[in-house]
């Protein structure tokens, strides 16, 4: 596992079985969705800004706030993010 990343982000899996190379998408999704700023910086240090951006654009779901952060930080239009394209055509009742 990556050093500096909290094990509590991966409460539902055996952390010793997570391979940073094979499970990069899973790790990036968890840190983007639930991690702190320091954990995000560790993610960038390990994978590189370009690779994190590449994985982030392919994720099926990102919170609206996380999506806005990624658009600004990586300087990628929101239309390039899979999670933006796959949004429901009908807004949910609790659309915040």
N, C-alpha and C. Protein backbone atom coordinates (compact mmCIF):
# COMPACT_ATOMS: atom_id res chain seq x y z
N UNK A 1 0.84 -1.18 0.00
CA UNK A 1 0.00 0.00 0.00
C UNK A 1 0.88 1.24 0.00
N UNK A 2 0.34 2.32 -0.46
CA UNK A 2 1.09 3.57 -0.52
C UNK A 2 1.29 4.15 0.87
N UNK A 3 2.48 4.65 1.12
CA UNK A 3 2.73 5.27 2.42
C UNK A 3 2.06 6.65 2.45
N UNK A 4 1.56 7.01 3.61
CA UNK A 4 0.90 8.30 3.77
C UNK A 4 -0.58 8.29 3.46
N UNK A 5 -1.11 7.16 3.02
CA UNK A 5 -2.54 7.03 2.73
C UNK A 5 -3.17 6.27 3.89
N UNK A 6 -4.22 6.83 4.44
CA UNK A 6 -4.87 6.24 5.60
C UNK A 6 -5.51 4.90 5.26
N UNK A 7 -5.33 3.95 6.14
CA UNK A 7 -5.93 2.63 5.95
C UNK A 7 -7.44 2.67 6.14
N UNK A 8 -7.94 3.69 6.79
CA UNK A 8 -9.39 3.78 7.00
C UNK A 8 -10.14 4.04 5.70
N UNK A 9 -9.47 4.50 4.67
CA UNK A 9 -10.13 4.69 3.37
C UNK A 9 -10.50 3.35 2.74
N UNK A 10 -9.83 2.29 3.19
CA UNK A 10 -10.04 0.96 2.62
C UNK A 10 -10.56 0.01 3.69
N UNK A 11 -11.59 0.44 4.39
CA UNK A 11 -12.15 -0.33 5.50
C UNK A 11 -12.80 -1.64 5.04
N UNK A 12 -13.19 -1.70 3.79
CA UNK A 12 -13.96 -2.84 3.32
C UNK A 12 -13.15 -3.94 2.64
N UNK A 13 -11.84 -3.77 2.58
CA UNK A 13 -10.98 -4.77 1.94
C UNK A 13 -9.77 -5.06 2.81
N UNK A 14 -9.11 -6.16 2.54
CA UNK A 14 -7.86 -6.50 3.22
C UNK A 14 -6.77 -5.65 2.59
N UNK A 15 -6.27 -4.70 3.33
CA UNK A 15 -5.31 -3.72 2.80
C UNK A 15 -4.01 -4.37 2.34
N UNK A 16 -3.67 -5.50 2.90
CA UNK A 16 -2.43 -6.17 2.50
C UNK A 16 -2.53 -6.76 1.10
N UNK A 17 -3.74 -6.92 0.59
CA UNK A 17 -3.94 -7.50 -0.74
C UNK A 17 -4.07 -6.44 -1.84
N UNK A 18 -4.00 -5.17 -1.47
CA UNK A 18 -4.11 -4.10 -2.47
C UNK A 18 -2.74 -3.86 -3.10
N UNK A 19 -2.68 -4.03 -4.40
CA UNK A 19 -1.45 -3.79 -5.15
C UNK A 19 -1.56 -2.42 -5.81
N UNK A 20 -0.68 -1.46 -5.48
CA UNK A 20 -0.76 -0.12 -6.06
C UNK A 20 -0.71 -0.08 -7.58
N UNK A 21 -0.06 -1.05 -8.21
CA UNK A 21 0.01 -1.06 -9.67
C UNK A 21 -1.29 -1.62 -10.28
N UNK A 22 -1.76 -2.74 -9.76
CA UNK A 22 -2.95 -3.39 -10.30
C UNK A 22 -4.23 -2.66 -9.92
N UNK A 23 -4.27 -2.09 -8.73
CA UNK A 23 -5.48 -1.48 -8.21
C UNK A 23 -5.41 0.05 -8.20
N UNK A 24 -4.72 0.62 -9.17
CA UNK A 24 -4.53 2.07 -9.21
C UNK A 24 -5.86 2.81 -9.31
N UNK A 25 -6.76 2.34 -10.15
CA UNK A 25 -8.05 3.00 -10.31
C UNK A 25 -8.84 3.01 -9.00
N UNK A 26 -8.83 1.90 -8.30
CA UNK A 26 -9.53 1.78 -7.02
C UNK A 26 -8.94 2.73 -5.99
N UNK A 27 -7.63 2.78 -5.90
CA UNK A 27 -6.95 3.65 -4.93
C UNK A 27 -7.23 5.11 -5.26
N UNK A 28 -7.12 5.47 -6.52
CA UNK A 28 -7.34 6.86 -6.94
C UNK A 28 -8.78 7.28 -6.65
N UNK A 29 -9.72 6.40 -6.93
CA UNK A 29 -11.13 6.72 -6.67
C UNK A 29 -11.38 6.96 -5.18
N UNK A 30 -10.83 6.11 -4.34
CA UNK A 30 -11.03 6.24 -2.90
C UNK A 30 -10.40 7.53 -2.35
N UNK A 31 -9.20 7.83 -2.79
CA UNK A 31 -8.53 9.03 -2.29
C UNK A 31 -9.24 10.28 -2.79
N UNK A 32 -9.66 10.29 -4.05
CA UNK A 32 -10.39 11.45 -4.57
C UNK A 32 -11.71 11.64 -3.83
N UNK A 33 -12.42 10.55 -3.60
CA UNK A 33 -13.74 10.65 -2.98
C UNK A 33 -13.72 10.91 -1.49
N UNK A 34 -12.77 10.30 -0.77
CA UNK A 34 -12.82 10.35 0.69
C UNK A 34 -11.53 10.80 1.36
N UNK A 35 -10.50 11.02 0.59
CA UNK A 35 -9.19 11.34 1.16
C UNK A 35 -9.02 12.80 1.51
N UNK A 36 -7.93 13.07 2.20
CA UNK A 36 -7.58 14.44 2.59
C UNK A 36 -6.66 15.05 1.52
N UNK A 37 -6.37 16.33 1.70
CA UNK A 37 -5.47 17.02 0.78
C UNK A 37 -4.08 16.39 0.82
N UNK A 38 -3.59 16.04 2.00
CA UNK A 38 -2.27 15.40 2.11
C UNK A 38 -2.25 14.05 1.40
N UNK A 39 -3.32 13.30 1.51
CA UNK A 39 -3.39 12.01 0.82
C UNK A 39 -3.44 12.20 -0.69
N UNK A 40 -4.12 13.25 -1.13
CA UNK A 40 -4.16 13.56 -2.56
C UNK A 40 -2.76 13.90 -3.06
N UNK A 41 -2.01 14.67 -2.29
CA UNK A 41 -0.63 15.01 -2.69
C UNK A 41 0.25 13.77 -2.77
N UNK A 42 0.05 12.83 -1.84
CA UNK A 42 0.81 11.56 -1.87
C UNK A 42 0.45 10.77 -3.13
N UNK A 43 -0.82 10.81 -3.50
CA UNK A 43 -1.29 10.13 -4.70
C UNK A 43 -0.60 10.71 -5.94
N UNK A 44 -0.54 12.02 -6.02
CA UNK A 44 0.12 12.69 -7.14
C UNK A 44 1.60 12.37 -7.16
N UNK A 45 2.23 12.35 -5.98
CA UNK A 45 3.66 12.02 -5.90
C UNK A 45 3.93 10.60 -6.40
N UNK A 46 3.03 9.68 -6.07
CA UNK A 46 3.25 8.27 -6.44
C UNK A 46 2.95 8.00 -7.91
N UNK A 47 1.75 8.41 -8.36
CA UNK A 47 1.31 8.07 -9.70
C UNK A 47 1.65 9.14 -10.75
N UNK A 48 1.78 10.37 -10.33
CA UNK A 48 1.99 11.47 -11.26
C UNK A 48 0.66 12.11 -11.62
N UNK A 49 0.70 13.40 -11.87
CA UNK A 49 -0.52 14.17 -12.15
C UNK A 49 -1.24 13.66 -13.39
N UNK A 50 -0.49 13.33 -14.43
CA UNK A 50 -1.10 12.89 -15.68
C UNK A 50 -1.85 11.56 -15.52
N UNK A 51 -1.25 10.62 -14.81
CA UNK A 51 -1.89 9.31 -14.63
C UNK A 51 -3.12 9.42 -13.74
N UNK A 52 -3.07 10.22 -12.69
CA UNK A 52 -4.24 10.41 -11.83
C UNK A 52 -5.36 11.05 -12.64
N UNK A 53 -5.03 12.03 -13.46
CA UNK A 53 -6.04 12.68 -14.31
C UNK A 53 -6.65 11.68 -15.28
N UNK A 54 -5.82 10.83 -15.85
CA UNK A 54 -6.29 9.82 -16.80
C UNK A 54 -7.29 8.88 -16.13
N UNK A 55 -6.96 8.40 -14.94
CA UNK A 55 -7.87 7.51 -14.21
C UNK A 55 -9.12 8.24 -13.77
N UNK A 56 -8.98 9.48 -13.33
CA UNK A 56 -10.13 10.25 -12.85
C UNK A 56 -11.16 10.46 -13.95
N UNK A 57 -10.72 10.68 -15.17
CA UNK A 57 -11.67 10.89 -16.27
C UNK A 57 -12.44 9.62 -16.62
N UNK A 58 -11.94 8.45 -16.22
CA UNK A 58 -12.60 7.19 -16.54
C UNK A 58 -13.51 6.67 -15.42
N UNK A 59 -13.53 7.34 -14.28
CA UNK A 59 -14.34 6.85 -13.16
C UNK A 59 -15.82 7.03 -13.46
N UNK A 60 -16.62 6.06 -13.03
CA UNK A 60 -18.06 6.10 -13.28
C UNK A 60 -18.79 7.08 -12.37
N UNK A 61 -18.23 7.37 -11.20
CA UNK A 61 -18.89 8.29 -10.29
C UNK A 61 -17.87 9.14 -9.55
N UNK A 62 -18.12 10.42 -9.54
CA UNK A 62 -17.42 11.37 -8.67
C UNK A 62 -18.47 12.34 -8.15
N UNK A 63 -18.37 12.68 -6.89
CA UNK A 63 -19.22 13.68 -6.30
C UNK A 63 -19.08 14.98 -7.09
N UNK A 64 -20.12 15.81 -7.11
CA UNK A 64 -20.08 17.05 -7.88
C UNK A 64 -18.94 17.97 -7.44
N UNK A 65 -18.68 17.99 -6.15
CA UNK A 65 -17.60 18.84 -5.63
C UNK A 65 -16.24 18.28 -6.07
N UNK A 66 -16.08 16.98 -6.00
CA UNK A 66 -14.82 16.35 -6.43
C UNK A 66 -14.63 16.53 -7.93
N UNK A 67 -15.70 16.41 -8.69
CA UNK A 67 -15.62 16.63 -10.13
C UNK A 67 -15.18 18.06 -10.43
N UNK A 68 -15.77 19.03 -9.74
CA UNK A 68 -15.38 20.43 -9.95
C UNK A 68 -13.91 20.66 -9.59
N UNK A 69 -13.45 20.01 -8.51
CA UNK A 69 -12.05 20.12 -8.13
C UNK A 69 -11.15 19.54 -9.22
N UNK A 70 -11.50 18.35 -9.72
CA UNK A 70 -10.69 17.69 -10.75
C UNK A 70 -10.64 18.53 -12.04
N UNK A 71 -11.77 19.10 -12.41
CA UNK A 71 -11.82 19.94 -13.61
C UNK A 71 -10.86 21.12 -13.45
N UNK A 72 -10.88 21.73 -12.29
CA UNK A 72 -10.01 22.88 -12.05
C UNK A 72 -8.55 22.48 -11.90
N UNK A 73 -8.28 21.46 -11.10
CA UNK A 73 -6.90 21.07 -10.80
C UNK A 73 -6.19 20.50 -12.04
N UNK A 74 -6.87 19.64 -12.77
CA UNK A 74 -6.24 18.99 -13.93
C UNK A 74 -6.42 19.78 -15.22
N UNK A 75 -7.26 20.83 -15.17
CA UNK A 75 -7.53 21.67 -16.34
C UNK A 75 -8.06 20.83 -17.52
N UNK A 76 -9.05 20.01 -17.21
CA UNK A 76 -9.71 19.17 -18.20
C UNK A 76 -11.18 19.55 -18.22
N UNK A 77 -11.78 19.76 -19.39
CA UNK A 77 -13.21 20.10 -19.43
C UNK A 77 -14.07 18.98 -18.82
N UNK A 78 -15.14 19.37 -18.15
CA UNK A 78 -15.97 18.37 -17.47
C UNK A 78 -16.61 17.39 -18.46
N UNK A 79 -16.74 17.78 -19.71
CA UNK A 79 -17.32 16.89 -20.71
C UNK A 79 -16.42 15.70 -21.02
N UNK A 80 -15.18 15.75 -20.62
CA UNK A 80 -14.23 14.65 -20.83
C UNK A 80 -14.32 13.60 -19.73
N UNK A 81 -15.04 13.88 -18.66
CA UNK A 81 -15.16 12.96 -17.53
C UNK A 81 -16.34 12.02 -17.75
N UNK A 82 -16.08 10.74 -17.63
CA UNK A 82 -17.12 9.72 -17.81
C UNK A 82 -18.27 9.91 -16.84
N UNK A 83 -17.96 10.29 -15.61
CA UNK A 83 -19.01 10.45 -14.61
C UNK A 83 -19.96 11.60 -14.97
N UNK A 84 -19.47 12.59 -15.67
CA UNK A 84 -20.32 13.71 -16.11
C UNK A 84 -21.21 13.27 -17.26
N UNK A 85 -20.66 12.49 -18.16
CA UNK A 85 -21.41 12.01 -19.33
C UNK A 85 -22.51 11.04 -18.91
N UNK A 86 -22.24 10.21 -17.89
CA UNK A 86 -23.19 9.18 -17.47
C UNK A 86 -24.23 9.65 -16.45
N UNK A 87 -24.25 10.93 -16.15
CA UNK A 87 -25.24 11.40 -15.19
C UNK A 87 -26.65 11.05 -15.67
N UNK A 88 -27.53 10.87 -14.73
CA UNK A 88 -28.90 10.51 -15.07
C UNK A 88 -29.57 11.64 -15.86
N UNK A 89 -30.37 11.27 -16.81
CA UNK A 89 -31.07 12.28 -17.59
C UNK A 89 -32.19 12.94 -16.77
N UNK A 90 -32.74 12.20 -15.83
CA UNK A 90 -33.75 12.74 -14.92
C UNK A 90 -33.10 13.03 -13.58
N UNK A 91 -33.12 14.27 -13.12
CA UNK A 91 -32.51 14.55 -11.82
C UNK A 91 -33.25 13.84 -10.69
N UNK A 92 -32.51 13.45 -9.69
CA UNK A 92 -33.11 12.79 -8.54
C UNK A 92 -33.80 13.80 -7.65
N UNK A 93 -34.57 13.28 -6.71
CA UNK A 93 -35.31 14.14 -5.80
C UNK A 93 -34.37 15.02 -4.97
N UNK A 94 -33.25 14.45 -4.56
CA UNK A 94 -32.32 15.18 -3.70
C UNK A 94 -31.16 15.74 -4.51
N UNK A 95 -31.45 16.43 -5.57
CA UNK A 95 -30.41 17.02 -6.40
C UNK A 95 -29.89 18.28 -5.74
N UNK A 96 -28.71 18.22 -5.16
CA UNK A 96 -28.18 19.36 -4.41
C UNK A 96 -27.24 20.19 -5.23
